[in-house]
Amino acid sequence: MTLAVEVFWSFRSPYSYLATGRLVELEKRYEVEVRVRPVLPLAVREPDFFQRVNPLWPAYLMRDTARVAEVHGIEYRWPRPDPVVQIPKEGRLVTASKQPHIHRLTRLGMLAAEKGRGLAFIDEVSRLIWNGKVDGWHEGPHLADAATRAGLDLAQLDATAAREMNRLDAAIAQNQRGLEAAGHWGVPTMVFEGEPFFGQDRIDLLAWRLKRRGLRSR
């Protein structure tokens, strides 16, 4: 029997990116299906979040994500450009009203998930955005090539996203409600049989729970 895990995930979350490769390996190694449920990042859902958060937090985030990447041998650099546009205000960052990247990415991720290619898509696209090899990941053929590697056609996805924007945004909002209903608010959060596992450092604990439910190797 193939077990199913939902993963609530954001294109702007470094921890989501750092978890993705291990979720791919989990699905390859075991009889488990990882169902991707994209959500908008906190910086978009709460535009003043970075003005309210403890000022020590951003520096700690950068230090922690760098060492997590080093421990796991993951190529990592803060994206250029950032998927979320932010501007400085009174020594802090505030989310800009115009966001040219994050809504497109999240809608594309939603469509990929609906086509059964969600995990492959977020794996390819997040590596493009976060691994530090490309400046201007949104330009030229980079995003289209990533979609192709995931078994999808970017032009078709973009066309569908333009036609079905309202439906997709409603589905993304439903994902956020689903995350909160599962018992958490952050990403990545993996949910199995209603039990949430928050954070890239909870994948081993998730695997332990899956094995107690009869998880089998492929």
N, C-alpha and C. Protein backbone atom coordinates (compact mmCIF):
# COMPACT_ATOMS: atom_id res chain seq x y z
N MET A 1 0.84 -1.19 0.00
CA MET A 1 0.00 0.00 0.00
C MET A 1 0.88 1.25 0.00
N THR A 2 0.60 2.17 -0.92
CA THR A 2 1.35 3.42 -0.97
C THR A 2 0.75 4.42 0.01
N LEU A 3 1.57 4.92 0.91
CA LEU A 3 1.14 5.92 1.87
C LEU A 3 1.22 7.30 1.23
N ALA A 4 0.46 8.25 1.76
CA ALA A 4 0.41 9.60 1.20
C ALA A 4 0.77 10.63 2.25
N VAL A 5 1.63 11.55 1.86
CA VAL A 5 2.05 12.66 2.73
C VAL A 5 1.79 13.96 1.99
N GLU A 6 1.15 14.90 2.64
CA GLU A 6 1.02 16.24 2.08
C GLU A 6 2.18 17.10 2.57
N VAL A 7 2.70 17.96 1.68
CA VAL A 7 3.73 18.91 2.11
C VAL A 7 3.27 20.31 1.73
N PHE A 8 3.14 21.15 2.74
CA PHE A 8 2.81 22.56 2.54
C PHE A 8 4.13 23.30 2.38
N TRP A 9 4.26 24.06 1.31
CA TRP A 9 5.59 24.44 0.80
C TRP A 9 5.51 25.81 0.13
N SER A 10 6.59 26.60 0.26
CA SER A 10 6.64 27.93 -0.35
C SER A 10 7.90 28.11 -1.17
N PHE A 11 7.77 28.79 -2.32
CA PHE A 11 8.91 29.06 -3.18
C PHE A 11 9.88 30.07 -2.58
N ARG A 12 9.46 30.83 -1.55
CA ARG A 12 10.35 31.81 -0.94
C ARG A 12 10.98 31.28 0.35
N SER A 13 10.62 30.11 0.78
CA SER A 13 11.12 29.58 2.04
C SER A 13 12.43 28.81 1.81
N PRO A 14 13.55 29.28 2.38
CA PRO A 14 14.79 28.51 2.22
C PRO A 14 14.69 27.13 2.86
N TYR A 15 13.96 27.03 3.95
CA TYR A 15 13.81 25.72 4.59
C TYR A 15 13.00 24.77 3.72
N SER A 16 12.01 25.31 2.98
CA SER A 16 11.29 24.46 2.03
C SER A 16 12.25 23.90 1.00
N TYR A 17 13.09 24.77 0.44
CA TYR A 17 14.08 24.31 -0.54
C TYR A 17 15.00 23.26 0.06
N LEU A 18 15.47 23.50 1.27
CA LEU A 18 16.43 22.59 1.90
C LEU A 18 15.80 21.23 2.22
N ALA A 19 14.50 21.18 2.33
CA ALA A 19 13.81 19.90 2.59
C ALA A 19 13.50 19.13 1.34
N THR A 20 13.43 19.79 0.19
CA THR A 20 12.84 19.19 -1.00
C THR A 20 13.61 17.97 -1.50
N GLY A 21 14.93 18.06 -1.57
CA GLY A 21 15.71 16.93 -2.06
C GLY A 21 15.50 15.69 -1.22
N ARG A 22 15.37 15.86 0.08
CA ARG A 22 15.16 14.70 0.94
C ARG A 22 13.76 14.13 0.79
N LEU A 23 12.78 14.97 0.48
CA LEU A 23 11.45 14.46 0.19
C LEU A 23 11.43 13.69 -1.13
N VAL A 24 12.20 14.17 -2.10
CA VAL A 24 12.33 13.45 -3.37
C VAL A 24 12.93 12.07 -3.11
N GLU A 25 13.97 12.01 -2.30
CA GLU A 25 14.62 10.74 -1.99
C GLU A 25 13.69 9.81 -1.22
N LEU A 26 12.89 10.38 -0.33
CA LEU A 26 11.93 9.59 0.43
C LEU A 26 10.95 8.90 -0.51
N GLU A 27 10.45 9.66 -1.50
CA GLU A 27 9.49 9.09 -2.44
C GLU A 27 10.15 8.07 -3.36
N LYS A 28 11.41 8.29 -3.73
CA LYS A 28 12.12 7.34 -4.57
C LYS A 28 12.40 6.03 -3.85
N ARG A 29 12.72 6.12 -2.57
CA ARG A 29 13.17 4.95 -1.82
C ARG A 29 12.02 4.12 -1.27
N TYR A 30 10.91 4.78 -0.95
CA TYR A 30 9.81 4.09 -0.28
C TYR A 30 8.51 4.21 -1.06
N GLU A 31 7.56 3.37 -0.72
CA GLU A 31 6.24 3.40 -1.32
C GLU A 31 5.40 4.48 -0.63
N VAL A 32 5.72 5.73 -0.97
CA VAL A 32 5.03 6.88 -0.40
C VAL A 32 4.85 7.92 -1.51
N GLU A 33 3.73 8.59 -1.49
CA GLU A 33 3.45 9.66 -2.44
C GLU A 33 3.47 10.98 -1.70
N VAL A 34 4.32 11.90 -2.15
CA VAL A 34 4.40 13.23 -1.56
C VAL A 34 3.55 14.18 -2.39
N ARG A 35 2.48 14.67 -1.79
CA ARG A 35 1.52 15.54 -2.49
C ARG A 35 1.80 16.99 -2.10
N VAL A 36 2.20 17.77 -3.07
CA VAL A 36 2.61 19.16 -2.82
C VAL A 36 1.40 20.07 -2.76
N ARG A 37 1.38 20.92 -1.71
CA ARG A 37 0.32 21.92 -1.57
C ARG A 37 0.98 23.29 -1.39
N PRO A 38 1.19 24.01 -2.49
CA PRO A 38 1.88 25.31 -2.40
C PRO A 38 1.08 26.34 -1.63
N VAL A 39 1.79 27.17 -0.88
CA VAL A 39 1.18 28.29 -0.17
C VAL A 39 2.02 29.54 -0.43
N LEU A 40 1.41 30.69 -0.24
CA LEU A 40 2.14 31.94 -0.34
C LEU A 40 3.01 32.12 0.90
N PRO A 41 4.17 32.74 0.76
CA PRO A 41 5.04 32.93 1.92
C PRO A 41 4.46 33.94 2.91
N LEU A 42 4.94 33.85 4.13
CA LEU A 42 4.48 34.74 5.20
C LEU A 42 4.69 36.20 4.83
N ALA A 43 5.77 36.50 4.13
CA ALA A 43 6.07 37.88 3.76
C ALA A 43 4.98 38.47 2.87
N VAL A 44 4.25 37.63 2.14
CA VAL A 44 3.16 38.10 1.30
C VAL A 44 1.84 38.09 2.07
N ARG A 45 1.64 37.05 2.84
CA ARG A 45 0.40 36.96 3.61
C ARG A 45 0.34 38.03 4.70
N GLU A 46 1.50 38.39 5.26
CA GLU A 46 1.58 39.42 6.29
C GLU A 46 2.69 40.39 5.90
N PRO A 47 2.39 41.39 5.06
CA PRO A 47 3.42 42.25 4.50
C PRO A 47 4.28 43.00 5.52
N ASP A 48 3.75 43.22 6.72
CA ASP A 48 4.53 43.94 7.74
C ASP A 48 5.24 42.99 8.70
N PHE A 49 5.28 41.69 8.37
CA PHE A 49 5.85 40.71 9.29
C PHE A 49 7.28 41.06 9.67
N PHE A 50 8.10 41.46 8.70
CA PHE A 50 9.51 41.71 8.99
C PHE A 50 9.73 43.00 9.75
N GLN A 51 8.71 43.81 9.86
CA GLN A 51 8.80 44.98 10.73
C GLN A 51 8.46 44.63 12.17
N ARG A 52 7.71 43.55 12.34
CA ARG A 52 7.29 43.14 13.68
C ARG A 52 8.19 42.09 14.31
N VAL A 53 8.89 41.31 13.49
CA VAL A 53 9.67 40.20 14.01
C VAL A 53 10.88 40.72 14.79
N ASN A 54 11.38 39.90 15.72
CA ASN A 54 12.59 40.26 16.45
C ASN A 54 13.72 40.57 15.46
N PRO A 55 14.41 41.70 15.61
CA PRO A 55 15.44 42.07 14.63
C PRO A 55 16.60 41.10 14.55
N LEU A 56 16.75 40.22 15.53
CA LEU A 56 17.81 39.21 15.47
C LEU A 56 17.47 38.06 14.52
N TRP A 57 16.20 37.91 14.20
CA TRP A 57 15.77 36.74 13.46
C TRP A 57 16.34 36.64 12.05
N PRO A 58 16.32 37.72 11.24
CA PRO A 58 16.84 37.56 9.86
C PRO A 58 18.29 37.10 9.81
N ALA A 59 19.15 37.65 10.66
CA ALA A 59 20.56 37.25 10.66
C ALA A 59 20.70 35.78 11.08
N TYR A 60 19.90 35.37 12.05
CA TYR A 60 19.96 33.96 12.46
C TYR A 60 19.48 33.05 11.34
N LEU A 61 18.43 33.47 10.64
CA LEU A 61 17.93 32.69 9.51
C LEU A 61 19.03 32.45 8.48
N MET A 62 19.76 33.49 8.14
CA MET A 62 20.82 33.35 7.15
C MET A 62 21.91 32.40 7.64
N ARG A 63 22.29 32.52 8.89
CA ARG A 63 23.32 31.64 9.44
C ARG A 63 22.84 30.19 9.49
N ASP A 64 21.61 30.01 9.94
CA ASP A 64 21.11 28.64 10.12
C ASP A 64 20.91 27.93 8.79
N THR A 65 20.33 28.63 7.81
CA THR A 65 20.10 27.97 6.52
C THR A 65 21.43 27.63 5.84
N ALA A 66 22.43 28.48 6.00
CA ALA A 66 23.74 28.19 5.39
C ALA A 66 24.35 26.93 5.98
N ARG A 67 24.25 26.75 7.30
CA ARG A 67 24.87 25.57 7.90
C ARG A 67 24.05 24.31 7.62
N VAL A 68 22.72 24.43 7.54
CA VAL A 68 21.91 23.28 7.16
C VAL A 68 22.30 22.81 5.76
N ALA A 69 22.47 23.77 4.85
CA ALA A 69 22.89 23.42 3.49
C ALA A 69 24.26 22.75 3.50
N GLU A 70 25.17 23.26 4.31
CA GLU A 70 26.51 22.68 4.37
C GLU A 70 26.48 21.27 4.92
N VAL A 71 25.72 21.04 5.97
CA VAL A 71 25.63 19.72 6.58
C VAL A 71 25.12 18.69 5.57
N HIS A 72 24.14 19.09 4.77
CA HIS A 72 23.52 18.14 3.84
C HIS A 72 24.13 18.19 2.45
N GLY A 73 25.16 19.00 2.26
CA GLY A 73 25.79 19.07 0.95
C GLY A 73 24.90 19.64 -0.13
N ILE A 74 24.09 20.65 0.23
CA ILE A 74 23.14 21.26 -0.70
C ILE A 74 23.69 22.61 -1.17
N GLU A 75 23.71 22.81 -2.47
CA GLU A 75 24.14 24.10 -3.01
C GLU A 75 23.09 25.15 -2.65
N TYR A 76 23.55 26.31 -2.14
CA TYR A 76 22.60 27.26 -1.57
C TYR A 76 23.15 28.68 -1.59
N ARG A 77 22.33 29.59 -2.03
CA ARG A 77 22.59 31.02 -1.95
C ARG A 77 21.25 31.74 -2.01
N TRP A 78 21.15 32.86 -1.32
CA TRP A 78 19.90 33.60 -1.37
C TRP A 78 19.63 34.01 -2.82
N PRO A 79 18.39 33.87 -3.28
CA PRO A 79 18.09 34.04 -4.71
C PRO A 79 18.36 35.45 -5.24
N ARG A 80 18.72 35.48 -6.51
CA ARG A 80 18.89 36.73 -7.25
C ARG A 80 18.11 36.62 -8.55
N PRO A 81 16.92 37.23 -8.63
CA PRO A 81 16.28 38.07 -7.62
C PRO A 81 15.53 37.25 -6.58
N ASP A 82 15.24 37.90 -5.48
CA ASP A 82 14.40 37.31 -4.45
C ASP A 82 13.00 37.08 -5.03
N PRO A 83 12.41 35.90 -4.80
CA PRO A 83 11.04 35.68 -5.28
C PRO A 83 10.01 36.66 -4.71
N VAL A 84 10.33 37.26 -3.55
CA VAL A 84 9.45 38.27 -2.95
C VAL A 84 10.20 39.60 -2.94
N VAL A 85 9.60 40.61 -3.54
CA VAL A 85 10.21 41.94 -3.57
C VAL A 85 9.92 42.64 -2.25
N GLN A 86 10.99 43.07 -1.58
CA GLN A 86 10.84 43.81 -0.34
C GLN A 86 11.66 45.09 -0.41
N ILE A 87 11.23 46.09 0.31
CA ILE A 87 11.91 47.38 0.32
C ILE A 87 12.21 47.77 1.77
N PRO A 88 13.33 48.47 2.00
CA PRO A 88 13.66 48.88 3.36
C PRO A 88 12.75 50.00 3.85
N LYS A 89 12.40 49.92 5.11
CA LYS A 89 11.59 50.95 5.73
C LYS A 89 11.96 51.03 7.21
N GLU A 90 12.51 52.13 7.61
CA GLU A 90 12.89 52.35 9.01
C GLU A 90 13.82 51.25 9.51
N GLY A 91 14.77 50.88 8.65
CA GLY A 91 15.75 49.87 9.03
C GLY A 91 15.27 48.44 8.95
N ARG A 92 14.04 48.23 8.53
CA ARG A 92 13.48 46.89 8.36
C ARG A 92 13.03 46.70 6.92
N LEU A 93 12.55 45.50 6.61
CA LEU A 93 12.03 45.23 5.28
C LEU A 93 10.52 45.14 5.32
N VAL A 94 9.90 45.69 4.29
CA VAL A 94 8.45 45.58 4.14
C VAL A 94 8.17 45.07 2.72
N THR A 95 7.18 44.25 2.58
CA THR A 95 6.85 43.65 1.30
C THR A 95 6.23 44.68 0.37
N ALA A 96 6.75 44.75 -0.85
CA ALA A 96 6.24 45.69 -1.84
C ALA A 96 4.84 45.29 -2.28
N SER A 97 4.07 46.27 -2.73
CA SER A 97 2.70 45.97 -3.16
C SER A 97 2.69 45.20 -4.48
N LYS A 98 3.67 45.46 -5.35
CA LYS A 98 3.75 44.75 -6.62
C LYS A 98 4.72 43.59 -6.49
N GLN A 99 4.25 42.41 -6.85
CA GLN A 99 5.05 41.18 -6.74
C GLN A 99 5.07 40.47 -8.09
N PRO A 100 6.13 40.66 -8.88
CA PRO A 100 6.15 40.07 -10.21
C PRO A 100 6.46 38.58 -10.26
N HIS A 101 6.93 37.99 -9.15
CA HIS A 101 7.41 36.61 -9.21
C HIS A 101 6.59 35.60 -8.40
N ILE A 102 6.30 35.93 -7.14
CA ILE A 102 5.84 34.90 -6.21
C ILE A 102 4.46 34.37 -6.57
N HIS A 103 3.57 35.22 -7.06
CA HIS A 103 2.23 34.73 -7.41
C HIS A 103 2.31 33.81 -8.63
N ARG A 104 3.13 34.19 -9.60
CA ARG A 104 3.30 33.33 -10.77
C ARG A 104 3.87 31.98 -10.36
N LEU A 105 4.92 31.98 -9.56
CA LEU A 105 5.53 30.72 -9.14
C LEU A 105 4.54 29.84 -8.40
N THR A 106 3.78 30.44 -7.50
CA THR A 106 2.87 29.64 -6.67
C THR A 106 1.74 29.07 -7.51
N ARG A 107 1.24 29.85 -8.46
CA ARG A 107 0.20 29.32 -9.35
C ARG A 107 0.76 28.20 -10.22
N LEU A 108 1.98 28.38 -10.72
CA LEU A 108 2.59 27.31 -11.52
C LEU A 108 2.76 26.04 -10.67
N GLY A 109 3.18 26.21 -9.43
CA GLY A 109 3.33 25.06 -8.55
C GLY A 109 2.00 24.37 -8.29
N MET A 110 0.94 25.16 -8.19
CA MET A 110 -0.40 24.59 -7.99
C MET A 110 -0.81 23.76 -9.20
N LEU A 111 -0.58 24.30 -10.39
CA LEU A 111 -0.92 23.56 -11.60
C LEU A 111 -0.10 22.29 -11.73
N ALA A 112 1.19 22.38 -11.42
CA ALA A 112 2.04 21.19 -11.48
C ALA A 112 1.53 20.12 -10.53
N ALA A 113 1.11 20.53 -9.33
CA ALA A 113 0.59 19.57 -8.36
C ALA A 113 -0.69 18.92 -8.89
N GLU A 114 -1.54 19.71 -9.53
CA GLU A 114 -2.78 19.16 -10.07
C GLU A 114 -2.50 18.15 -11.18
N LYS A 115 -1.39 18.32 -11.87
CA LYS A 115 -1.01 17.39 -12.93
C LYS A 115 -0.20 16.20 -12.43
N GLY A 116 -0.03 16.10 -11.11
CA GLY A 116 0.72 15.00 -10.54
C GLY A 116 2.22 15.15 -10.65
N ARG A 117 2.70 16.36 -10.95
CA ARG A 117 4.13 16.61 -11.11
C ARG A 117 4.61 17.65 -10.09
N GLY A 118 3.88 17.79 -9.01
CA GLY A 118 4.20 18.83 -8.04
C GLY A 118 5.59 18.70 -7.44
N LEU A 119 5.95 17.51 -6.98
CA LEU A 119 7.24 17.34 -6.33
C LEU A 119 8.38 17.55 -7.32
N ALA A 120 8.24 16.99 -8.51
CA ALA A 120 9.28 17.17 -9.53
C ALA A 120 9.44 18.65 -9.87
N PHE A 121 8.32 19.38 -9.96
CA PHE A 121 8.38 20.79 -10.33
C PHE A 121 9.04 21.62 -9.25
N ILE A 122 8.63 21.46 -7.99
CA ILE A 122 9.25 22.28 -6.95
C ILE A 122 10.71 21.91 -6.75
N ASP A 123 11.06 20.67 -7.01
CA ASP A 123 12.46 20.26 -6.92
C ASP A 123 13.30 20.99 -7.96
N GLU A 124 12.87 20.95 -9.20
CA GLU A 124 13.64 21.58 -10.27
C GLU A 124 13.66 23.11 -10.13
N VAL A 125 12.52 23.70 -9.86
CA VAL A 125 12.44 25.15 -9.82
C VAL A 125 13.13 25.71 -8.58
N SER A 126 12.97 25.05 -7.45
CA SER A 126 13.63 25.57 -6.24
C SER A 126 15.15 25.47 -6.36
N ARG A 127 15.66 24.41 -6.99
CA ARG A 127 17.10 24.34 -7.20
C ARG A 127 17.57 25.45 -8.14
N LEU A 128 16.79 25.75 -9.15
CA LEU A 128 17.13 26.86 -10.04
C LEU A 128 17.21 28.18 -9.26
N ILE A 129 16.24 28.40 -8.40
CA ILE A 129 16.15 29.67 -7.68
C ILE A 129 17.22 29.77 -6.59
N TRP A 130 17.47 28.67 -5.87
CA TRP A 130 18.24 28.72 -4.63
C TRP A 130 19.66 28.17 -4.69
N ASN A 131 20.05 27.48 -5.74
CA ASN A 131 21.37 26.83 -5.67
C ASN A 131 22.55 27.74 -6.00
N GLY A 132 22.26 28.99 -6.38
CA GLY A 132 23.33 29.95 -6.56
C GLY A 132 24.04 29.91 -7.89
N LYS A 133 23.59 29.08 -8.80
CA LYS A 133 24.28 28.95 -10.09
C LYS A 133 23.80 29.97 -11.12
N VAL A 134 22.60 30.54 -10.89
CA VAL A 134 22.00 31.41 -11.89
C VAL A 134 21.57 32.73 -11.25
N ASP A 135 22.05 33.83 -11.82
CA ASP A 135 21.46 35.13 -11.53
C ASP A 135 20.41 35.39 -12.62
N GLY A 136 19.26 35.90 -12.21
CA GLY A 136 18.21 36.10 -13.19
C GLY A 136 17.52 34.81 -13.58
N TRP A 137 17.17 34.01 -12.58
CA TRP A 137 16.51 32.73 -12.83
C TRP A 137 15.18 32.91 -13.58
N HIS A 138 14.59 34.12 -13.49
CA HIS A 138 13.30 34.40 -14.11
C HIS A 138 13.43 34.81 -15.57
N GLU A 139 14.66 34.96 -16.05
CA GLU A 139 14.90 35.44 -17.40
C GLU A 139 15.33 34.30 -18.32
N GLY A 140 15.23 34.55 -19.63
CA GLY A 140 15.72 33.58 -20.59
C GLY A 140 15.00 32.24 -20.47
N PRO A 141 15.71 31.16 -20.78
CA PRO A 141 15.08 29.84 -20.83
C PRO A 141 15.11 29.08 -19.50
N HIS A 142 15.66 29.69 -18.43
CA HIS A 142 15.94 28.92 -17.21
C HIS A 142 14.69 28.26 -16.64
N LEU A 143 13.63 29.03 -16.47
CA LEU A 143 12.43 28.48 -15.85
C LEU A 143 11.75 27.46 -16.76
N ALA A 144 11.76 27.74 -18.06
CA ALA A 144 11.18 26.78 -19.02
C ALA A 144 11.95 25.47 -19.01
N ASP A 145 13.27 25.57 -18.92
CA ASP A 145 14.09 24.35 -18.89
C ASP A 145 13.81 23.55 -17.62
N ALA A 146 13.65 24.24 -16.50
CA ALA A 146 13.35 23.55 -15.24
C ALA A 146 12.00 22.83 -15.35
N ALA A 147 11.02 23.51 -15.94
CA ALA A 147 9.71 22.88 -16.11
C ALA A 147 9.80 21.65 -17.00
N THR A 148 10.60 21.75 -18.06
CA THR A 148 10.79 20.61 -18.96
C THR A 148 11.39 19.42 -18.22
N ARG A 149 12.39 19.69 -17.38
CA ARG A 149 13.00 18.60 -16.61
C ARG A 149 11.99 17.95 -15.67
N ALA A 150 10.99 18.71 -15.28
CA ALA A 150 9.93 18.17 -14.41
C ALA A 150 8.81 17.51 -15.21
N GLY A 151 8.96 17.47 -16.53
CA GLY A 151 7.95 16.84 -17.37
C GLY A 151 6.78 17.73 -17.72
N LEU A 152 7.01 19.06 -17.71
CA LEU A 152 5.93 20.00 -17.95
C LEU A 152 6.34 21.04 -18.99
N ASP A 153 5.36 21.74 -19.54
CA ASP A 153 5.59 22.78 -20.53
C ASP A 153 5.25 24.12 -19.90
N LEU A 154 6.26 25.00 -19.75
CA LEU A 154 6.04 26.26 -19.05
C LEU A 154 5.03 27.15 -19.78
N ALA A 155 5.11 27.21 -21.09
CA ALA A 155 4.19 28.06 -21.83
C ALA A 155 2.74 27.63 -21.60
N GLN A 156 2.51 26.33 -21.60
CA GLN A 156 1.16 25.84 -21.34
C GLN A 156 0.72 26.15 -19.92
N LEU A 157 1.64 25.99 -18.96
CA LEU A 157 1.30 26.30 -17.57
C LEU A 157 0.97 27.78 -17.41
N ASP A 158 1.79 28.65 -18.00
CA ASP A 158 1.53 30.09 -17.88
C ASP A 158 0.19 30.46 -18.52
N ALA A 159 -0.12 29.87 -19.66
CA ALA A 159 -1.39 30.17 -20.32
C ALA A 159 -2.57 29.73 -19.46
N THR A 160 -2.46 28.55 -18.86
CA THR A 160 -3.52 28.07 -17.99
C THR A 160 -3.64 28.95 -16.75
N ALA A 161 -2.49 29.35 -16.19
CA ALA A 161 -2.51 30.20 -15.00
C ALA A 161 -3.18 31.53 -15.28
N ALA A 162 -2.96 32.09 -16.47
CA ALA A 162 -3.61 33.35 -16.83
C ALA A 162 -5.11 33.19 -16.95
N ARG A 163 -5.54 32.08 -17.52
CA ARG A 163 -6.99 31.84 -17.70
C ARG A 163 -7.68 31.52 -16.39
N GLU A 164 -6.97 30.82 -15.51
CA GLU A 164 -7.60 30.27 -14.30
C GLU A 164 -7.05 30.90 -13.02
N MET A 165 -6.64 32.16 -13.12
CA MET A 165 -6.01 32.82 -11.99
C MET A 165 -6.87 32.78 -10.73
N ASN A 166 -8.13 33.13 -10.86
CA ASN A 166 -8.99 33.19 -9.68
C ASN A 166 -9.16 31.82 -9.04
N ARG A 167 -9.34 30.81 -9.87
CA ARG A 167 -9.49 29.46 -9.33
C ARG A 167 -8.23 29.01 -8.61
N LEU A 168 -7.09 29.29 -9.22
CA LEU A 168 -5.82 28.88 -8.61
C LEU A 168 -5.56 29.62 -7.31
N ASP A 169 -5.85 30.92 -7.28
CA ASP A 169 -5.66 31.68 -6.05
C ASP A 169 -6.56 31.17 -4.94
N ALA A 170 -7.77 30.77 -5.30
CA ALA A 170 -8.68 30.19 -4.30
C ALA A 170 -8.13 28.86 -3.79
N ALA A 171 -7.54 28.06 -4.67
CA ALA A 171 -6.96 26.77 -4.25
C ALA A 171 -5.75 26.98 -3.36
N ILE A 172 -4.95 27.99 -3.67
CA ILE A 172 -3.78 28.30 -2.84
C ILE A 172 -4.23 28.77 -1.46
N ALA A 173 -5.27 29.59 -1.41
CA ALA A 173 -5.81 30.03 -0.12
C ALA A 173 -6.36 28.84 0.66
N GLN A 174 -6.97 27.89 -0.04
CA GLN A 174 -7.47 26.68 0.62
C GLN A 174 -6.31 25.87 1.19
N ASN A 175 -5.19 25.84 0.49
CA ASN A 175 -4.01 25.16 1.03
C ASN A 175 -3.58 25.79 2.35
N GLN A 176 -3.59 27.11 2.41
CA GLN A 176 -3.21 27.78 3.65
C GLN A 176 -4.15 27.40 4.79
N ARG A 177 -5.43 27.35 4.49
CA ARG A 177 -6.39 26.93 5.52
C ARG A 177 -6.14 25.48 5.91
N GLY A 178 -5.78 24.65 4.93
CA GLY A 178 -5.48 23.26 5.23
C GLY A 178 -4.27 23.12 6.13
N LEU A 179 -3.25 23.94 5.88
CA LEU A 179 -2.07 23.94 6.74
C LEU A 179 -2.45 24.28 8.17
N GLU A 180 -3.21 25.33 8.35
CA GLU A 180 -3.61 25.75 9.69
C GLU A 180 -4.51 24.71 10.35
N ALA A 181 -5.37 24.09 9.57
CA ALA A 181 -6.24 23.04 10.12
C ALA A 181 -5.43 21.84 10.59
N ALA A 182 -4.28 21.60 9.94
CA ALA A 182 -3.42 20.49 10.34
C ALA A 182 -2.65 20.78 11.62
N GLY A 183 -2.61 22.05 12.02
CA GLY A 183 -2.00 22.37 13.30
C GLY A 183 -0.73 23.19 13.23
N HIS A 184 -0.45 23.82 12.07
CA HIS A 184 0.73 24.68 12.00
C HIS A 184 0.47 25.82 11.02
N TRP A 185 1.44 26.73 10.95
CA TRP A 185 1.29 27.91 10.09
C TRP A 185 2.52 28.13 9.20
N GLY A 186 3.60 27.39 9.46
CA GLY A 186 4.85 27.61 8.74
C GLY A 186 5.14 26.51 7.74
N VAL A 187 6.17 26.76 6.93
CA VAL A 187 6.58 25.78 5.92
C VAL A 187 8.09 25.54 6.03
N PRO A 188 8.50 24.35 5.62
CA PRO A 188 7.68 23.25 5.12
C PRO A 188 7.01 22.50 6.28
N THR A 189 5.77 22.15 6.09
CA THR A 189 5.08 21.28 7.03
C THR A 189 4.58 20.06 6.28
N MET A 190 5.02 18.90 6.71
CA MET A 190 4.54 17.63 6.15
C MET A 190 3.42 17.12 7.04
N VAL A 191 2.37 16.61 6.43
CA VAL A 191 1.22 16.12 7.18
C VAL A 191 0.92 14.69 6.75
N PHE A 192 0.88 13.80 7.73
CA PHE A 192 0.54 12.40 7.48
C PHE A 192 -0.55 11.99 8.44
N GLU A 193 -1.67 11.55 7.89
CA GLU A 193 -2.83 11.13 8.68
C GLU A 193 -3.20 12.17 9.73
N GLY A 194 -3.17 13.44 9.31
CA GLY A 194 -3.56 14.53 10.18
C GLY A 194 -2.51 15.01 11.16
N GLU A 195 -1.35 14.37 11.17
CA GLU A 195 -0.28 14.73 12.10
C GLU A 195 0.74 15.61 11.40
N PRO A 196 0.99 16.85 11.91
CA PRO A 196 1.93 17.75 11.25
C PRO A 196 3.38 17.53 11.71
N PHE A 197 4.29 17.68 10.77
CA PHE A 197 5.73 17.62 11.03
C PHE A 197 6.33 18.88 10.43
N PHE A 198 6.60 19.87 11.26
CA PHE A 198 7.05 21.17 10.77
C PHE A 198 8.57 21.23 10.71
N GLY A 199 9.08 21.63 9.56
CA GLY A 199 10.49 21.95 9.44
C GLY A 199 11.30 20.91 8.69
N GLN A 200 12.37 21.38 8.04
CA GLN A 200 13.24 20.48 7.30
C GLN A 200 13.95 19.47 8.20
N ASP A 201 13.98 19.75 9.50
CA ASP A 201 14.63 18.85 10.44
C ASP A 201 13.67 17.82 11.03
N ARG A 202 12.48 17.70 10.45
CA ARG A 202 11.51 16.72 10.94
C ARG A 202 11.24 15.60 9.93
N ILE A 203 12.02 15.55 8.88
CA ILE A 203 11.81 14.52 7.87
C ILE A 203 12.13 13.14 8.42
N ASP A 204 13.19 13.02 9.22
CA ASP A 204 13.50 11.73 9.83
C ASP A 204 12.37 11.28 10.76
N LEU A 205 11.80 12.23 11.48
CA LEU A 205 10.68 11.89 12.36
C LEU A 205 9.46 11.47 11.55
N LEU A 206 9.23 12.14 10.44
CA LEU A 206 8.16 11.73 9.53
C LEU A 206 8.39 10.31 9.03
N ALA A 207 9.62 10.01 8.62
CA ALA A 207 9.93 8.66 8.13
C ALA A 207 9.69 7.61 9.22
N TRP A 208 10.02 7.95 10.44
CA TRP A 208 9.78 7.05 11.58
C TRP A 208 8.29 6.75 11.72
N ARG A 209 7.47 7.80 11.62
CA ARG A 209 6.02 7.59 11.73
C ARG A 209 5.50 6.75 10.56
N LEU A 210 5.99 7.03 9.36
CA LEU A 210 5.57 6.25 8.20
C LEU A 210 5.91 4.77 8.36
N LYS A 211 7.10 4.51 8.89
CA LYS A 211 7.51 3.11 9.07
C LYS A 211 6.64 2.41 10.11
N ARG A 212 6.19 3.16 11.10
CA ARG A 212 5.27 2.56 12.09
C ARG A 212 3.90 2.28 11.48
N ARG A 213 3.62 2.89 10.33
CA ARG A 213 2.36 2.63 9.62
C ARG A 213 2.56 1.64 8.47
N GLY A 214 3.73 1.00 8.44
CA GLY A 214 3.93 -0.04 7.45
C GLY A 214 4.63 0.38 6.19
N LEU A 215 5.36 1.49 6.22
CA LEU A 215 6.07 1.96 5.03
C LEU A 215 7.02 0.88 4.51
N ARG A 216 6.96 0.67 3.20
CA ARG A 216 7.80 -0.36 2.57
C ARG A 216 8.75 0.26 1.56
N SER A 217 9.90 -0.37 1.40
CA SER A 217 10.84 0.07 0.37
C SER A 217 10.30 -0.28 -1.00
N ARG A 218 10.71 0.46 -1.99
CA ARG A 218 10.30 0.15 -3.37
C ARG A 218 11.12 -0.99 -3.93
